[in-house]
Protein backbone atom coordinates (compact mmCIF):
# COMPACT_ATOMS: atom_id res chain seq x y z
CA MET A 1 -18.40 43.92 -48.42
CA GLU A 2 -20.57 40.29 -49.03
CA ILE A 3 -18.66 37.77 -47.53
CA ILE A 4 -19.53 33.71 -47.75
CA LEU A 5 -18.89 32.50 -44.04
CA LYS A 6 -16.56 29.18 -44.40
CA GLN A 7 -16.86 28.31 -41.00
CA ASP A 8 -19.04 29.20 -37.61
CA VAL A 9 -17.82 33.08 -36.51
CA ILE A 10 -19.58 33.65 -32.97
CA GLY A 11 -20.93 37.16 -32.83
CA LEU A 12 -20.89 37.34 -37.21
CA GLY A 13 -23.00 34.19 -38.56
CA TYR A 14 -22.82 30.79 -39.03
CA LYS A 15 -21.05 28.15 -41.65
CA HIS A 16 -23.01 28.85 -44.93
CA ASP A 17 -24.05 32.61 -43.77
CA ILE A 18 -23.92 35.21 -46.62
CA VAL A 19 -23.29 38.35 -44.62
CA ASN A 20 -22.13 42.18 -45.00
CA VAL A 21 -18.79 43.64 -43.20
CA LYS A 22 -16.48 46.33 -43.55
CA SER A 23 -14.01 45.93 -46.39
CA GLY A 24 -10.70 45.34 -44.34
CA TYR A 25 -12.18 42.69 -41.88
CA GLY A 26 -12.91 40.51 -44.63
CA ARG A 27 -9.66 41.07 -46.50
CA ASN A 28 -7.51 41.55 -43.55
CA TYR A 29 -9.14 38.66 -41.31
CA LEU A 30 -12.13 36.57 -42.98
CA ILE A 31 -10.50 35.18 -46.33
CA PRO A 32 -7.26 34.95 -45.38
CA THR A 33 -7.71 32.99 -42.06
CA GLY A 34 -10.33 30.79 -44.55
CA ARG A 35 -13.51 31.56 -42.74
CA GLY A 36 -14.79 33.46 -45.68
CA VAL A 37 -14.34 34.02 -49.51
CA ILE A 38 -16.19 37.25 -51.09
CA ALA A 39 -19.83 36.17 -52.40
CA SER A 40 -19.50 36.75 -56.16
CA GLU A 41 -22.47 35.23 -58.07
CA SER A 42 -20.55 32.52 -58.93
CA ALA A 43 -19.10 31.45 -55.79
CA LYS A 44 -23.25 32.01 -54.36
CA LYS A 45 -24.39 29.72 -57.07
CA ALA A 46 -22.03 27.25 -56.17
CA LEU A 47 -22.97 27.92 -52.17
CA ALA A 48 -26.61 27.10 -53.26
CA GLU A 49 -25.91 23.61 -55.27
CA GLU A 50 -23.69 22.44 -51.85
CA LEU A 51 -26.75 23.53 -49.68
CA LYS A 52 -28.50 21.63 -51.74
CA GLN A 53 -26.67 18.40 -51.28
CA LYS A 54 -26.75 18.81 -47.79
CA ALA A 55 -30.18 19.61 -46.94
CA LYS A 56 -30.61 15.56 -45.37
CA LYS A 57 -27.34 16.58 -43.56
CA LEU A 58 -28.52 19.91 -42.14
CA GLU A 59 -31.62 18.40 -41.13
CA LYS A 60 -30.02 15.76 -39.00
CA LEU A 61 -28.00 18.56 -37.36
CA LYS A 62 -30.77 20.47 -37.10
CA ALA A 63 -32.70 17.40 -34.97
CA ASP A 64 -29.68 16.58 -32.90
CA ALA A 65 -29.76 20.26 -31.57
CA GLN A 66 -33.30 20.04 -30.70
CA SER A 67 -32.60 17.08 -29.01
CA LEU A 68 -29.69 18.38 -27.12
CA GLY A 69 -31.77 21.19 -26.80
CA ASP A 70 -35.17 19.50 -25.05
CA LYS A 71 -32.45 17.78 -22.45
CA LEU A 72 -30.73 21.47 -22.17
CA SER A 73 -34.76 22.87 -20.97
CA GLN A 74 -35.21 19.87 -18.79
CA VAL A 75 -31.51 21.30 -16.65
CA LYS A 76 -31.86 23.48 -13.11
CA ILE A 77 -28.12 25.23 -12.80
CA VAL A 78 -27.28 26.44 -8.63
CA ILE A 79 -24.08 27.66 -8.33
CA ALA A 80 -22.84 28.88 -5.02
CA ALA A 81 -21.26 32.00 -4.45
CA LYS A 82 -19.72 34.44 -1.99
CA VAL A 83 -23.15 36.58 -0.86
CA SER A 84 -22.13 39.80 0.72
CA ARG A 85 -24.71 40.61 3.89
CA ASN A 86 -27.44 42.50 1.82
CA GLY A 87 -27.47 39.76 -0.71
CA THR A 88 -25.77 40.47 -3.51
CA ILE A 89 -23.09 38.47 -4.99
CA TYR A 90 -19.04 39.47 -4.74
CA GLY A 91 -18.41 39.48 -8.30
CA SER A 92 -20.82 37.87 -10.78
CA VAL A 93 -22.10 35.25 -12.13
CA ASN A 94 -20.62 34.30 -15.54
CA ASN A 95 -20.93 32.20 -18.69
CA VAL A 96 -17.97 29.97 -17.59
CA MET A 97 -19.65 29.24 -14.35
CA ILE A 98 -22.36 28.12 -16.53
CA ALA A 99 -20.49 26.14 -18.56
CA ASP A 100 -18.66 24.22 -16.26
CA GLU A 101 -21.41 23.57 -14.09
CA LEU A 102 -22.88 22.39 -17.57
CA ALA A 103 -19.94 20.25 -17.61
CA LYS A 104 -20.33 18.98 -15.11
CA LEU A 105 -23.94 17.25 -15.95
CA GLY A 106 -22.10 15.91 -18.97
CA PHE A 107 -23.13 19.07 -21.37
CA ASP A 108 -20.30 20.09 -23.42
CA ILE A 109 -21.07 23.26 -24.82
CA ASP A 110 -18.96 25.86 -25.27
CA ARG A 111 -18.62 29.00 -23.26
CA ARG A 112 -19.16 31.51 -26.39
CA LEU A 113 -22.36 30.02 -26.94
CA ILE A 114 -23.86 30.71 -23.32
CA THR A 115 -25.25 34.42 -22.55
CA ALA A 116 -25.64 35.27 -19.06
CA ARG A 117 -26.27 38.76 -18.64
CA ASP A 118 -26.75 40.83 -15.02
CA ILE A 119 -26.55 37.75 -12.70
CA LYS A 120 -25.66 39.97 -9.84
CA SER A 121 -27.20 38.73 -6.94
CA VAL A 122 -29.31 35.81 -4.47
CA GLY A 123 -32.30 33.99 -6.47
CA ASP A 124 -33.03 32.29 -10.05
CA HIS A 125 -31.73 33.71 -13.51
CA VAL A 126 -32.25 32.58 -16.61
CA ALA A 127 -29.24 31.87 -19.50
CA LEU A 128 -29.25 31.12 -23.15
CA VAL A 129 -27.52 28.48 -24.74
CA ARG A 130 -27.05 28.37 -28.67
CA VAL A 131 -27.34 25.00 -29.25
CA HIS A 132 -27.91 25.67 -33.17
CA LYS A 133 -28.29 29.01 -35.40
CA GLU A 134 -31.92 27.99 -34.65
CA VAL A 135 -32.35 26.56 -31.70
CA THR A 136 -32.04 28.87 -28.76
CA VAL A 137 -32.83 27.32 -24.78
CA GLU A 138 -33.39 29.28 -21.70
CA VAL A 139 -31.55 27.54 -19.09
CA PRO A 140 -32.59 28.14 -15.45
CA VAL A 141 -29.84 28.73 -13.42
CA THR A 142 -30.26 29.99 -9.12
CA VAL A 143 -27.80 31.04 -7.29
CA VAL A 144 -27.73 30.23 -3.82
CA PRO A 145 -25.31 31.59 -1.05
CA GLU A 146 -22.23 30.15 -0.57
CA GLU A 147 -21.85 28.31 3.15
CA ALA A 148 -19.65 30.75 5.00
CA PRO A 149 -16.22 29.72 6.71
CA ALA A 150 -16.94 32.06 9.21
CA GLU A 151 -19.58 29.95 11.24
CA GLU A 152 -17.31 26.98 11.52
CA ALA A 153 -14.53 29.79 13.76
CA PRO A 154 -16.59 30.02 16.72
CA ALA A 155 -18.00 26.31 16.83
CA ALA A 156 -13.96 25.59 16.97
CA GLU A 157 -13.21 28.51 18.80
CA ALA A 158 -15.62 27.44 22.04
CA PRO A 159 -13.37 23.78 22.65
CA ALA A 160 -10.41 26.00 23.06
CA ALA A 161 -11.62 28.55 25.73
CA GLU A 162 -13.37 25.26 27.87
CA VAL A 163 -9.79 23.80 28.44
CA ALA A 164 -8.58 27.58 29.33
CA GLU A 165 -10.76 27.27 31.93
CA ALA A 166 -10.02 23.90 33.20
CA PRO A 167 -6.48 24.35 33.97
CA ALA A 168 -7.86 28.04 36.07
CA ALA A 169 -10.28 26.30 38.25
CA GLU A 170 -7.72 22.97 38.65
CA VAL A 171 -4.79 25.49 40.33
CA ALA A 172 -7.40 27.49 42.80
CA GLU A 173 -8.58 23.97 44.08
CA ASP A 174 -4.88 23.25 44.99
CA GLU A 175 -4.38 26.42 45.89
CA ALA A 176 -7.11 25.77 48.59
CA PRO A 177 -6.01 23.42 50.78
CA GLU A 178 -2.44 23.97 51.46
CA GLU A 179 -3.95 27.77 52.59
CA ALA A 180 -6.45 25.52 54.99
CA GLU A 181 -2.78 23.10 56.01
CA SER A 182 -0.75 26.06 56.77
CA GLY A 183 -3.71 27.52 58.95
CA ASP A 184 -3.54 24.57 60.73
CA ALA A 185 -0.04 24.33 61.35
CA ALA A 186 0.01 28.18 62.79
CA LEU A 187 -2.19 27.15 65.39
């Protein structure tokens, strides 16, 4: 079944695309939710006329997407993750984490437009960001180990050990003079 998409449908196509879908998906989901219409001859002609009128607007959208893509290509993302002793990450770095880091840098990118596969180790990786249907940008992602709180714990225990040793030394010094005094008294 041919459907003309009225909205972007992630994983299927973009607005004004003509796509082939199974008839149940088209009749039961796309058409009732207003995301598509049946691609009849009259609908195709209306789409061609609408695209002709919006050509300038679409070129501007593409140019804006290209400039955003140029800015994104200069960005390098660094993500700190918990790492085991052999350098593998507990879990993985996913598109949600990358979208959060991009948001911190001032880029509002939907997480569903980011593709990051198999980022399960420390090092340099690449994530793909689809800014426009014709513009895809590779964003470098560097995964670094997160600072381990276990390194701070022994440093915090060291002053406590020194305090524990100090009273024992003071007690030993106090006992020594008493023995000397009692020894003098006995003579």
